[in-house]
Amino acid sequence: MSLHETNLPVVSAPAPTQFTTLTVVAIVLAVLSLLWSFVDPRLIEGVPVWMKPVKFALSFALFFGTLALVETRLSAPGRDGWTLRATGWVMGAAFLSEMAYMMYQAGRGEASHFNLSTPFTELMYSTVMAVGAVALVIGTAVVGWVVKRDQAASLSPALREAIWLGFLLTFVLTMIVAGYMSSGSTRFVGVHPDGAPTLPLVGWSGVTGDLRPAHFASLHAMQALPLLALWLGRGKEAPGAVRTIRIAAFVYATLTFAIFAQALMGLPLIPLG
């Protein structure tokens, strides 16, 4: 009997979700940028020219990977509803436009951020990238709102609250910190001389105020609070877990503002010299 003559049901693999697709695209762009950095060794302010596309692509992979994991927990109506679909399309367009510009600028050997040297770079940084960044964080808040409303989602009460509050904090805190940072001409508050010590891996200044630590904290509220909820619920969810998440959200926001204020005073997160 041939395979075509059997009555076995044909099982098709589930189609990848939109955020899973964006995660894969971000990983591919990170790998391509990293590989090309070995071919193009040019530097911008002492940093490899392709380092920014690599770092941003990896950050986007974590960002969309988090959204993809949340998406799988939603009910079918929540996952397939027009709100989440439209939000995914907008966020995908913002992500691709930002990565395209960063990779284009890296190919030219020029900075993509804080580059106002020509009308074109000013338009791209001050308008296109700014609009894209706002669209991404608004999209995060929208996904959190979908999670909050989707009562049929496969989520414990604490995890639902953590996702909703974590995504909301990422929106609010990023709008404040990144909005302030993008309004200036540098990420530093004070003078960071060439060759001054920086924190390993992240490159944050060790001698003056640096706005990037607060920006980092604001972006990763969307992972920090859900991870706390998962840890609290590793067994049977303890009574008062939702209240604990709410307190943790307040503490996290306070800590982020403290790091932001420290940078505004011209003080490094960790003094190195």
Protein backbone atom coordinates (compact mmCIF):
# COMPACT_ATOMS: atom_id res chain seq x y z
CA MET A 1 0.00 0.00 0.00
CA SER A 2 1.44 3.37 -0.96
CA LEU A 3 1.48 6.34 1.33
CA HIS A 4 -1.13 8.10 -0.82
CA GLU A 5 -3.55 5.19 -0.38
CA THR A 6 -3.65 5.40 3.41
CA ASN A 7 -6.30 7.27 5.35
CA LEU A 8 -3.86 8.82 7.81
CA PRO A 9 -4.69 12.46 8.57
CA VAL A 10 -2.27 15.05 7.29
CA VAL A 11 -1.00 17.21 10.13
CA SER A 12 0.40 20.56 9.07
CA ALA A 13 2.87 22.49 11.19
CA PRO A 14 1.40 25.59 12.85
CA ALA A 15 2.21 28.83 11.10
CA PRO A 16 4.76 30.96 12.95
CA THR A 17 3.27 33.85 14.86
CA GLN A 18 4.07 37.40 13.79
CA PHE A 19 6.30 38.10 16.79
CA THR A 20 8.13 34.80 16.34
CA THR A 21 8.85 35.80 12.75
CA LEU A 22 10.17 39.18 13.86
CA THR A 23 12.38 37.47 16.44
CA VAL A 24 13.93 35.26 13.76
CA VAL A 25 14.47 38.26 11.46
CA ALA A 26 16.22 40.14 14.28
CA ILE A 27 18.53 37.18 14.96
CA VAL A 28 19.38 36.90 11.26
CA LEU A 29 20.22 40.62 11.10
CA ALA A 30 22.41 40.30 14.20
CA VAL A 31 24.33 37.40 12.67
CA LEU A 32 24.76 39.17 9.33
CA SER A 33 25.97 42.37 11.01
CA LEU A 34 28.38 40.43 13.20
CA LEU A 35 29.82 38.51 10.26
CA TRP A 36 30.21 41.68 8.21
CA SER A 37 32.06 43.34 11.10
CA PHE A 38 34.96 40.96 10.44
CA VAL A 39 35.12 42.24 6.86
CA ASP A 40 34.65 45.93 7.74
CA PRO A 41 36.94 46.84 10.70
CA ARG A 42 36.26 50.60 10.66
CA LEU A 43 35.62 52.42 13.94
CA ILE A 44 33.29 55.22 15.06
CA GLU A 45 34.50 56.95 18.23
CA GLY A 46 36.69 53.93 18.93
CA VAL A 47 33.82 51.43 18.56
CA PRO A 48 33.47 48.99 15.62
CA VAL A 49 31.10 50.51 13.08
CA TRP A 50 28.89 47.40 12.98
CA MET A 51 28.59 47.07 16.76
CA LYS A 52 25.44 49.22 16.98
CA PRO A 53 23.48 47.14 14.42
CA VAL A 54 24.58 43.97 16.23
CA LYS A 55 23.54 45.27 19.66
CA PHE A 56 20.22 46.66 18.44
CA ALA A 57 19.38 43.49 16.51
CA LEU A 58 20.06 41.36 19.60
CA SER A 59 17.98 43.76 21.70
CA PHE A 60 15.14 43.47 19.17
CA ALA A 61 15.44 39.67 19.26
CA LEU A 62 14.95 39.71 23.05
CA PHE A 63 12.15 42.27 22.70
CA PHE A 64 10.17 40.36 20.09
CA GLY A 65 11.02 37.02 21.69
CA THR A 66 9.34 38.22 24.89
CA LEU A 67 6.27 39.31 22.91
CA ALA A 68 6.23 35.96 21.09
CA LEU A 69 6.20 34.03 24.37
CA VAL A 70 3.32 36.16 25.63
CA GLU A 71 1.49 35.74 22.33
CA THR A 72 1.51 31.94 22.72
CA ARG A 73 -0.29 32.27 26.09
CA LEU A 74 -3.19 34.25 24.67
CA SER A 75 -6.52 32.72 23.75
CA ALA A 76 -7.31 32.24 20.05
CA PRO A 77 -9.55 35.36 19.89
CA GLY A 78 -6.90 37.47 21.60
CA ARG A 79 -4.09 36.11 19.46
CA ASP A 80 -5.96 36.41 16.16
CA GLY A 81 -7.80 39.66 16.88
CA TRP A 82 -7.25 42.70 14.71
CA THR A 83 -5.74 44.69 17.60
CA LEU A 84 -2.76 42.37 18.04
CA ARG A 85 -2.38 41.85 14.28
CA ALA A 86 -2.34 45.55 13.48
CA THR A 87 0.02 46.24 16.37
CA GLY A 88 2.42 43.58 15.10
CA TRP A 89 2.45 45.07 11.60
CA VAL A 90 3.18 48.57 12.92
CA MET A 91 5.93 47.34 15.25
CA GLY A 92 7.45 45.24 12.48
CA ALA A 93 7.58 48.22 10.13
CA ALA A 94 9.21 50.38 12.83
CA PHE A 95 11.77 47.68 13.61
CA LEU A 96 12.74 47.11 9.97
CA SER A 97 13.03 50.82 9.21
CA GLU A 98 15.30 51.40 12.23
CA MET A 99 17.53 48.42 11.43
CA ALA A 100 17.71 49.38 7.75
CA TYR A 101 18.89 52.90 8.62
CA MET A 102 21.43 51.70 11.20
CA MET A 103 22.89 49.17 8.76
CA TYR A 104 22.92 51.77 5.98
CA GLN A 105 24.80 54.22 8.19
CA ALA A 106 27.21 51.52 9.31
CA GLY A 107 27.94 50.77 5.66
CA ARG A 108 28.70 54.48 5.17
CA GLY A 109 30.92 54.51 8.25
CA GLU A 110 28.74 57.10 9.97
CA ALA A 111 26.81 57.20 13.23
CA SER A 112 23.06 56.65 13.12
CA HIS A 113 22.23 58.12 16.55
CA PHE A 114 22.77 61.78 17.49
CA ASN A 115 23.86 62.42 13.92
CA LEU A 116 22.43 65.75 12.76
CA SER A 117 25.24 66.58 10.33
CA THR A 118 23.04 66.71 7.21
CA PRO A 119 19.34 67.33 6.52
CA PHE A 120 18.99 63.62 5.65
CA THR A 121 20.54 62.31 8.89
CA GLU A 122 18.60 64.89 10.90
CA LEU A 123 15.35 63.78 9.29
CA MET A 124 16.10 60.10 9.87
CA TYR A 125 17.17 60.47 13.49
CA SER A 126 14.78 63.18 14.65
CA THR A 127 11.70 62.01 12.76
CA VAL A 128 11.81 58.52 11.26
CA MET A 129 13.70 56.78 14.07
CA ALA A 130 11.89 58.82 16.72
CA VAL A 131 8.48 57.86 15.34
CA GLY A 132 9.59 54.24 15.06
CA ALA A 133 10.77 54.15 18.67
CA VAL A 134 7.50 55.64 19.90
CA ALA A 135 5.52 53.12 17.82
CA LEU A 136 7.47 50.24 19.37
CA VAL A 137 6.85 51.25 22.98
CA ILE A 138 3.21 52.14 22.32
CA GLY A 139 2.85 48.71 20.72
CA THR A 140 4.26 47.17 23.89
CA ALA A 141 1.59 48.89 25.97
CA VAL A 142 -1.11 47.74 23.53
CA VAL A 143 0.03 44.12 23.86
CA GLY A 144 -0.07 44.50 27.64
CA TRP A 145 -3.61 45.86 27.37
CA VAL A 146 -4.62 42.85 25.24
CA VAL A 147 -3.18 40.53 27.90
CA LYS A 148 -5.05 42.40 30.64
CA ARG A 149 -8.37 42.02 28.80
CA ASP A 150 -7.92 38.43 27.62
CA GLN A 151 -9.40 36.56 30.57
CA ALA A 152 -9.19 33.25 28.69
CA ALA A 153 -5.41 33.50 28.29
CA SER A 154 -3.29 30.73 29.80
CA LEU A 155 -1.93 32.95 32.55
CA SER A 156 -2.01 32.96 36.33
CA PRO A 157 -3.37 36.14 37.95
CA ALA A 158 0.15 37.17 39.06
CA LEU A 159 1.69 36.55 35.64
CA ARG A 160 -1.11 38.46 33.91
CA GLU A 161 -0.57 41.42 36.27
CA ALA A 162 3.21 41.23 35.79
CA ILE A 163 2.94 41.29 32.01
CA TRP A 164 0.44 44.12 32.03
CA LEU A 165 2.40 46.26 34.51
CA GLY A 166 5.78 45.36 33.05
CA PHE A 167 4.72 46.28 29.53
CA LEU A 168 3.05 49.46 30.78
CA LEU A 169 6.20 50.47 32.69
CA THR A 170 8.34 49.85 29.63
CA PHE A 171 6.11 52.27 27.72
CA VAL A 172 5.96 55.00 30.38
CA LEU A 173 9.57 54.86 31.57
CA THR A 174 11.03 54.61 28.06
CA MET A 175 8.99 57.57 26.85
CA ILE A 176 10.41 59.66 29.71
CA VAL A 177 14.04 58.50 29.65
CA ALA A 178 14.48 57.98 25.92
CA GLY A 179 12.49 61.10 25.17
CA TYR A 180 14.87 63.16 27.27
CA MET A 181 17.94 61.43 25.84
CA SER A 182 16.88 61.94 22.22
CA SER A 183 16.22 65.64 22.82
CA GLY A 184 19.92 66.25 23.37
CA SER A 185 23.01 65.75 21.27
CA THR A 186 24.70 63.09 23.38
CA ARG A 187 23.99 60.25 25.75
CA PHE A 188 26.29 61.77 28.39
CA VAL A 189 25.56 64.38 31.07
CA GLY A 190 28.96 65.98 31.46
CA VAL A 191 32.23 65.26 29.70
CA HIS A 192 33.32 61.75 28.82
CA PRO A 193 36.88 62.13 27.46
CA ASP A 194 38.18 59.79 24.77
CA GLY A 195 39.74 56.77 26.41
CA ALA A 196 37.93 57.29 29.72
CA PRO A 197 37.04 54.05 31.54
CA THR A 198 33.71 52.40 30.77
CA LEU A 199 31.82 49.46 32.21
CA PRO A 200 32.73 46.18 30.50
CA LEU A 201 30.35 44.84 27.83
CA VAL A 202 27.78 47.65 28.06
CA GLY A 203 30.23 50.54 27.58
CA TRP A 204 28.51 52.88 30.05
CA SER A 205 30.64 55.77 31.25
CA GLY A 206 32.54 55.33 34.49
CA VAL A 207 33.43 59.01 34.87
CA THR A 208 30.28 61.04 34.14
CA GLY A 209 26.51 60.82 33.92
CA ASP A 210 25.28 58.34 31.32
CA LEU A 211 21.60 58.10 30.38
CA ARG A 212 21.86 54.59 28.98
CA PRO A 213 21.56 52.68 32.30
CA ALA A 214 18.16 54.27 32.97
CA HIS A 215 17.17 53.58 29.36
CA PHE A 216 18.22 49.95 29.81
CA ALA A 217 16.17 49.62 33.00
CA SER A 218 13.12 51.20 31.40
CA LEU A 219 13.23 48.84 28.43
CA HIS A 220 13.59 45.67 30.47
CA ALA A 221 10.69 46.16 32.87
CA MET A 222 8.78 43.98 30.38
CA GLN A 223 11.06 41.04 31.23
CA ALA A 224 11.83 41.74 34.89
CA LEU A 225 8.28 41.68 36.28
CA PRO A 226 7.09 38.58 34.35
CA LEU A 227 10.25 36.73 35.44
CA LEU A 228 9.44 37.63 39.05
CA ALA A 229 5.90 36.32 38.59
CA LEU A 230 7.22 33.06 37.13
CA TRP A 231 9.55 32.69 40.10
CA LEU A 232 6.72 33.37 42.56
CA GLY A 233 4.55 30.80 40.79
CA ARG A 234 7.18 28.05 40.42
CA GLY A 235 4.99 25.93 42.67
CA LYS A 236 1.43 26.72 43.58
CA GLU A 237 0.94 30.46 43.35
CA ALA A 238 1.18 31.95 46.82
CA PRO A 239 -1.62 34.14 48.19
CA GLY A 240 -0.82 37.81 47.75
CA ALA A 241 1.32 37.24 44.63
CA VAL A 242 -0.56 39.91 42.68
CA ARG A 243 0.04 42.41 45.47
CA THR A 244 3.73 41.48 45.47
CA ILE A 245 3.91 42.17 41.72
CA ARG A 246 2.32 45.58 42.20
CA ILE A 247 4.81 46.47 44.94
CA ALA A 248 7.67 45.23 42.76
CA ALA A 249 6.45 47.41 39.88
CA PHE A 250 6.51 50.47 42.14
CA VAL A 251 10.00 49.62 43.41
CA TYR A 252 11.25 49.00 39.87
CA ALA A 253 9.91 52.34 38.65
CA THR A 254 11.43 54.14 41.65
CA LEU A 255 14.82 52.50 41.05
CA THR A 256 14.73 53.47 37.37
CA PHE A 257 13.97 57.10 38.23
CA ALA A 258 16.80 57.05 40.80
CA ILE A 259 19.28 55.85 38.15
CA PHE A 260 17.93 58.50 35.78
CA ALA A 261 18.33 61.24 38.42
CA GLN A 262 21.87 60.09 39.17
CA ALA A 263 22.79 60.46 35.50
CA LEU A 264 21.18 63.90 35.32
CA MET A 265 23.42 64.97 38.22
CA GLY A 266 26.42 64.02 36.11
CA LEU A 267 27.31 60.98 38.22
CA PRO A 268 28.26 57.62 36.67
CA LEU A 269 26.31 54.53 37.66
CA ILE A 270 29.53 52.92 38.92
CA PRO A 271 32.53 55.29 39.29
CA LEU A 272 35.65 53.90 37.64
CA GLY A 273 38.01 56.84 37.83
